[in-house]
Amino acid sequence: MTARPSDLVTEAFEAQRDRLRAVAYRVLGSHADAEDVVQEAWMRLVRQDEATIANLAGWLTTVVGRISLDLLRSRQAHPEAAYGQRFTDLVVTPADDPAPDEQVALADSVGLALLVVLDSLTPSERLAFVLHDMFAVPFHEIGQILGRSAGAAKMTASRARRKVRAAGRPADPGRDHREAVRAFRAAALGGDFEALLRVLDPDVKLTVDTPGGVVVTLGATEVASGARMFSGQAARHRPVLVNGVPGHMSWRSDGTPLSVIAFTVIERRITGIHIVVDPAKLASIHLSAPA
């Protein structure tokens, strides 16, 4: 049986925990998955002979990268389960006055718009892009994770970077984004089909988290029709930030939560909408309905 790591190694792991969690989160886009990955890395360290580890930080990065890569590949093999990953961790705050601790959480999050772009990459491309461009991990270490040479890892990261640039820079949660969200809300509430089409990208994707599973709708016409029908159920609305991205939350007339909606906006048009109507997820959000 392998002995428990020494106090020195345990302390070194704890010193690396936040960085490892950040790496896993930015690769996977889920705090829950990131925590699981870091815990699995610890379990592997427990079973590892300390004498075989020359560089603990590098060893842990490699382990976390490999576990994260396996999860990405699993998502690719089961895309129906991947849609909900982006909203595993709902951080919903008032749009006008987030508290200081919430601002820290939002600043640490990967914006939904970026996650949409990263979803267009292969698992290897996504891992290489995140590790190199966000964490400056050397290509020879990335190559070890991917099972490729340093040169091949560099090419993978370059290919990923080109795809991200080709997809267009996602709008920050700034003026254009807020205006697109406001335009969508006004058009949906007013039942203005033509106005909805003007603000929606032709290939917009609508993802709805329901108690029975995830429902996906593609195309501006279909999404606009659904938005008009859905708007009639809401009695109260409040602008919010959803994982750092402008959106809004709705309540029924009795004050119970109806939905949380987040938007991905690129070049002033909405390319993605994610609606959460699952009561179990909405129950974790502690915001009061507006008077």
Protein backbone atom coordinates (compact mmCIF):
# COMPACT_ATOMS: atom_id res chain seq x y z
CA MET A 1 0.00 0.00 0.00
CA THR A 2 1.38 3.44 -0.95
CA ALA A 3 2.03 5.71 2.03
CA ARG A 4 0.27 9.02 2.44
CA PRO A 5 2.30 11.91 0.98
CA SER A 6 4.63 13.64 3.41
CA ASP A 7 3.57 16.85 5.12
CA LEU A 8 5.90 18.76 2.80
CA VAL A 9 4.23 17.35 -0.33
CA THR A 10 0.77 17.86 1.16
CA GLU A 11 1.57 21.50 1.86
CA ALA A 12 2.94 21.91 -1.65
CA PHE A 13 -0.25 20.44 -3.10
CA GLU A 14 -2.41 22.80 -1.05
CA ALA A 15 -0.29 25.70 -2.32
CA GLN A 16 -1.08 24.58 -5.88
CA ARG A 17 -4.79 23.86 -5.31
CA ASP A 18 -6.16 27.24 -6.40
CA ARG A 19 -4.08 27.25 -9.56
CA LEU A 20 -5.09 23.68 -10.41
CA ARG A 21 -8.75 24.52 -9.83
CA ALA A 22 -8.42 27.56 -12.10
CA VAL A 23 -6.81 25.46 -14.85
CA ALA A 24 -9.53 22.80 -14.68
CA TYR A 25 -12.31 25.40 -14.57
CA ARG A 26 -11.07 27.28 -17.60
CA VAL A 27 -10.73 24.05 -19.54
CA LEU A 28 -14.09 22.62 -18.49
CA GLY A 29 -16.23 25.66 -17.66
CA SER A 30 -17.68 24.07 -14.52
CA HIS A 31 -16.69 24.69 -10.91
CA ALA A 32 -18.13 21.33 -9.87
CA ASP A 33 -16.12 19.44 -12.49
CA ALA A 34 -13.02 21.44 -11.60
CA GLU A 35 -13.33 20.45 -7.95
CA ASP A 36 -13.72 16.80 -8.95
CA VAL A 37 -10.64 16.99 -11.17
CA VAL A 38 -8.49 18.50 -8.42
CA GLN A 39 -9.70 15.88 -5.96
CA GLU A 40 -8.84 13.12 -8.42
CA ALA A 41 -5.38 14.67 -8.85
CA TRP A 42 -4.92 14.49 -5.08
CA MET A 43 -5.93 10.83 -5.03
CA ARG A 44 -3.41 10.06 -7.74
CA LEU A 45 -0.75 11.91 -5.78
CA VAL A 46 -1.57 9.77 -2.73
CA ARG A 47 -0.87 6.65 -4.80
CA GLN A 48 2.30 8.05 -6.37
CA ASP A 49 5.83 7.46 -5.07
CA GLU A 50 7.09 10.95 -4.14
CA ALA A 51 10.61 10.06 -5.21
CA THR A 52 9.46 9.75 -8.83
CA ILE A 53 8.18 13.35 -8.94
CA ALA A 54 10.91 15.79 -9.89
CA ASN A 55 8.62 18.81 -10.41
CA LEU A 56 5.42 18.65 -8.38
CA ALA A 57 3.78 21.68 -10.02
CA GLY A 58 4.46 20.32 -13.48
CA TRP A 59 3.36 16.82 -12.50
CA LEU A 60 0.08 18.11 -11.08
CA THR A 61 -0.59 20.28 -14.14
CA THR A 62 -0.07 17.25 -16.35
CA VAL A 63 -2.42 15.12 -14.25
CA VAL A 64 -5.11 17.79 -14.13
CA GLY A 65 -4.73 18.34 -17.87
CA ARG A 66 -5.10 14.64 -18.67
CA ILE A 67 -8.17 14.22 -16.46
CA SER A 68 -9.74 17.35 -17.97
CA LEU A 69 -8.98 16.11 -21.47
CA ASP A 70 -10.70 12.81 -20.73
CA LEU A 71 -13.78 14.73 -19.53
CA LEU A 72 -13.80 16.88 -22.67
CA ARG A 73 -13.63 13.80 -24.87
CA SER A 74 -16.45 12.21 -22.89
CA ARG A 75 -18.59 15.29 -23.49
CA GLN A 76 -17.83 15.13 -27.20
CA ALA A 77 -18.90 11.49 -27.28
CA HIS A 78 -22.14 12.37 -25.47
CA PRO A 79 -23.11 15.84 -26.75
CA GLU A 80 -26.62 15.60 -25.33
CA ALA A 81 -25.07 15.74 -21.84
CA ALA A 82 -22.70 18.58 -22.67
CA TYR A 83 -25.32 21.28 -23.20
CA GLY A 84 -25.98 21.56 -19.50
CA GLN A 85 -22.32 21.80 -18.50
CA ARG A 86 -22.18 25.54 -19.09
CA PHE A 87 -24.84 26.15 -16.46
CA THR A 88 -23.77 23.62 -13.86
CA ASP A 89 -22.75 26.59 -11.72
CA LEU A 90 -25.26 29.45 -11.86
CA VAL A 91 -23.89 32.71 -10.45
CA VAL A 92 -26.76 35.18 -10.73
CA THR A 93 -26.41 38.69 -9.31
CA PRO A 94 -28.24 42.00 -9.74
CA ALA A 95 -26.99 43.72 -12.85
CA ASP A 96 -26.80 47.14 -11.23
CA ASP A 97 -25.10 46.44 -7.90
CA PRO A 98 -23.14 43.20 -7.45
CA ALA A 99 -21.61 42.72 -4.03
CA PRO A 100 -17.80 42.74 -3.70
CA ASP A 101 -17.54 38.97 -3.18
CA GLU A 102 -19.80 38.40 -6.18
CA GLN A 103 -17.58 40.68 -8.28
CA VAL A 104 -14.63 38.46 -7.40
CA ALA A 105 -16.57 35.34 -8.42
CA LEU A 106 -17.62 36.93 -11.70
CA ALA A 107 -14.11 38.10 -12.49
CA ASP A 108 -12.86 34.53 -11.94
CA SER A 109 -15.48 32.99 -14.21
CA VAL A 110 -15.08 32.17 -17.86
CA GLY A 111 -17.59 34.26 -19.76
CA LEU A 112 -20.35 32.34 -21.46
CA ALA A 113 -19.49 33.93 -24.78
CA LEU A 114 -15.94 32.57 -24.58
CA LEU A 115 -17.24 29.13 -23.63
CA VAL A 116 -19.42 29.12 -26.73
CA VAL A 117 -16.34 29.78 -28.87
CA LEU A 118 -14.29 27.16 -27.02
CA ASP A 119 -17.07 24.64 -27.65
CA SER A 120 -16.22 24.88 -31.35
CA LEU A 121 -12.74 23.45 -30.69
CA THR A 122 -11.75 19.82 -30.47
CA PRO A 123 -10.78 18.64 -26.96
CA SER A 124 -7.08 18.71 -27.87
CA GLU A 125 -7.36 22.20 -29.34
CA ARG A 126 -9.28 23.50 -26.36
CA LEU A 127 -6.82 22.10 -23.86
CA ALA A 128 -3.79 23.41 -25.76
CA PHE A 129 -5.34 26.86 -26.19
CA VAL A 130 -6.31 27.23 -22.53
CA LEU A 131 -3.08 25.87 -21.10
CA HIS A 132 -0.78 27.90 -23.34
CA ASP A 133 -2.68 31.14 -23.91
CA MET A 134 -4.18 31.48 -20.42
CA PHE A 135 -1.58 29.78 -18.22
CA ALA A 136 1.63 29.92 -20.29
CA VAL A 137 2.23 26.19 -19.93
CA PRO A 138 5.21 25.21 -22.13
CA PHE A 139 4.44 23.27 -25.28
CA HIS A 140 6.57 20.30 -24.24
CA GLU A 141 4.35 19.86 -21.16
CA ILE A 142 1.19 20.24 -23.25
CA GLY A 143 2.59 17.68 -25.66
CA GLN A 144 3.04 15.20 -22.80
CA ILE A 145 -0.63 15.60 -21.90
CA LEU A 146 -1.78 15.18 -25.50
CA GLY A 147 0.67 12.38 -26.24
CA ARG A 148 2.30 14.46 -28.97
CA SER A 149 5.56 16.27 -29.61
CA ALA A 150 6.09 19.87 -28.50
CA GLY A 151 5.93 20.93 -32.14
CA ALA A 152 2.63 19.15 -32.68
CA ALA A 153 1.24 20.73 -29.49
CA LYS A 154 2.26 24.15 -30.75
CA MET A 155 0.50 23.52 -34.04
CA THR A 156 -2.63 22.40 -32.17
CA ALA A 157 -2.65 25.59 -30.11
CA SER A 158 -2.08 27.73 -33.22
CA ARG A 159 -4.97 26.01 -35.01
CA ALA A 160 -7.20 26.63 -32.00
CA ARG A 161 -6.18 30.28 -31.90
CA ARG A 162 -7.06 30.73 -35.57
CA LYS A 163 -10.50 29.20 -34.98
CA VAL A 164 -11.15 31.48 -32.01
CA ARG A 165 -10.20 34.52 -34.07
CA ALA A 166 -12.26 33.35 -37.04
CA ALA A 167 -15.30 32.95 -34.80
CA GLY A 168 -15.13 36.64 -33.98
CA ARG A 169 -14.32 38.19 -30.65
CA PRO A 170 -17.28 37.67 -28.32
CA ALA A 171 -18.70 40.89 -27.03
CA ASP A 172 -17.77 41.79 -23.48
CA PRO A 173 -20.69 42.38 -21.14
CA GLY A 174 -20.71 46.02 -22.18
CA ARG A 175 -22.91 48.46 -23.98
CA ASP A 176 -23.56 46.44 -27.17
CA HIS A 177 -24.34 43.34 -25.16
CA ARG A 178 -26.74 45.13 -22.83
CA GLU A 179 -28.49 46.83 -25.73
CA ALA A 180 -29.02 43.51 -27.53
CA VAL A 181 -30.45 41.98 -24.36
CA ARG A 182 -32.78 44.94 -23.82
CA ALA A 183 -33.92 44.80 -27.44
CA PHE A 184 -34.68 41.09 -27.17
CA ARG A 185 -36.61 41.53 -23.94
CA ALA A 186 -38.68 44.43 -25.31
CA ALA A 187 -39.46 42.54 -28.51
CA ALA A 188 -40.38 39.35 -26.64
CA LEU A 189 -42.65 41.15 -24.19
CA GLY A 190 -44.29 43.09 -27.01
CA GLY A 191 -44.66 40.06 -29.26
CA ASP A 192 -42.75 41.91 -32.01
CA PHE A 193 -41.66 39.05 -34.28
CA GLU A 194 -39.80 41.26 -36.77
CA ALA A 195 -37.87 43.00 -34.00
CA LEU A 196 -36.86 39.61 -32.61
CA LEU A 197 -35.53 38.55 -35.99
CA ARG A 198 -33.47 41.74 -36.22
CA VAL A 199 -31.66 41.08 -32.94
CA LEU A 200 -31.21 37.31 -33.41
CA ASP A 201 -28.43 35.77 -35.46
CA PRO A 202 -29.87 33.54 -38.23
CA ASP A 203 -28.12 30.53 -36.68
CA VAL A 204 -28.94 31.35 -33.06
CA LYS A 205 -29.08 28.40 -30.66
CA LEU A 206 -31.64 28.32 -27.85
CA THR A 207 -30.96 25.88 -25.01
CA VAL A 208 -33.60 25.38 -22.31
CA ASP A 209 -32.89 23.53 -19.06
CA THR A 210 -36.17 21.91 -17.99
CA PRO A 211 -36.99 19.44 -15.20
CA GLY A 212 -37.22 16.75 -17.86
CA GLY A 213 -33.93 17.52 -19.57
CA VAL A 214 -32.39 19.91 -22.06
CA VAL A 215 -34.26 21.12 -25.16
CA VAL A 216 -32.35 22.74 -28.02
CA THR A 217 -33.86 24.93 -30.76
CA LEU A 218 -31.90 26.21 -33.75
CA GLY A 219 -32.62 29.12 -36.08
CA ALA A 220 -33.92 32.66 -35.64
CA THR A 221 -37.48 31.95 -36.84
CA GLU A 222 -38.00 29.05 -34.45
CA VAL A 223 -36.36 30.86 -31.53
CA ALA A 224 -38.39 34.03 -32.13
CA SER A 225 -41.64 32.07 -32.16
CA GLY A 226 -40.74 30.36 -28.88
CA ALA A 227 -39.73 33.66 -27.27
CA ARG A 228 -43.13 35.21 -28.00
CA MET A 229 -44.98 32.27 -26.50
CA PHE A 230 -42.73 32.13 -23.43
CA SER A 231 -42.99 35.85 -22.64
CA GLY A 232 -46.66 35.66 -21.68
CA GLN A 233 -45.95 33.59 -18.55
CA ALA A 234 -43.76 36.18 -16.82
CA ALA A 235 -45.22 38.87 -14.56
CA ARG A 236 -42.03 40.43 -13.18
CA HIS A 237 -38.54 40.90 -14.61
CA ARG A 238 -35.17 42.00 -13.33
CA PRO A 239 -31.89 42.56 -15.22
CA VAL A 240 -29.15 40.34 -13.83
CA LEU A 241 -25.66 39.09 -14.53
CA VAL A 242 -25.54 35.36 -15.24
CA ASN A 243 -21.99 34.08 -14.73
CA GLY A 244 -20.83 37.59 -15.55
CA VAL A 245 -22.93 38.00 -18.70
CA PRO A 246 -25.99 40.32 -18.97
CA GLY A 247 -29.34 38.57 -18.90
CA HIS A 248 -32.56 38.73 -16.96
CA MET A 249 -34.59 36.79 -14.46
CA SER A 250 -38.37 36.44 -14.44
CA TRP A 251 -40.93 35.63 -11.76
CA ARG A 252 -44.58 34.61 -11.86
CA SER A 253 -47.28 36.81 -10.35
CA ASP A 254 -47.03 34.92 -7.05
CA GLY A 255 -43.33 35.72 -6.76
CA THR A 256 -41.98 32.25 -7.57
CA PRO A 257 -39.03 32.17 -10.01
CA LEU A 258 -39.96 31.41 -13.60
CA SER A 259 -36.67 31.56 -15.49
CA VAL A 260 -33.14 32.83 -15.80
CA ILE A 261 -31.98 33.78 -19.27
CA ALA A 262 -28.41 34.44 -20.40
CA PHE A 263 -27.28 35.60 -23.82
CA THR A 264 -24.23 35.26 -26.02
CA VAL A 265 -23.79 38.33 -28.24
CA ILE A 266 -21.35 38.63 -31.13
CA GLU A 267 -21.26 41.76 -33.28
CA ARG A 268 -24.48 43.10 -31.72
CA ARG A 269 -26.55 40.05 -32.55
CA ILE A 270 -27.62 37.28 -30.21
CA THR A 271 -25.98 33.99 -31.21
CA GLY A 272 -26.92 31.95 -28.16
CA ILE A 273 -29.64 31.96 -25.51
CA HIS A 274 -29.68 29.71 -22.48
CA ILE A 275 -32.88 29.58 -20.43
CA VAL A 276 -33.08 27.81 -17.08
CA VAL A 277 -36.62 26.87 -16.02
CA ASP A 278 -35.73 23.86 -13.88
CA PRO A 279 -37.13 24.67 -10.40
CA ALA A 280 -34.30 22.73 -8.74
CA LYS A 281 -31.70 25.04 -10.29
CA LEU A 282 -33.76 28.18 -9.79
CA ALA A 283 -34.13 27.34 -6.09
CA SER A 284 -30.40 27.96 -5.59
CA ILE A 285 -30.76 31.59 -6.71
CA HIS A 286 -31.55 33.95 -3.85
CA LEU A 287 -32.90 37.04 -5.56
CA SER A 288 -36.21 38.68 -4.75
CA ALA A 289 -38.75 39.58 -7.37
CA PRO A 290 -39.04 43.31 -8.06
CA ALA A 291 -41.96 45.11 -6.48
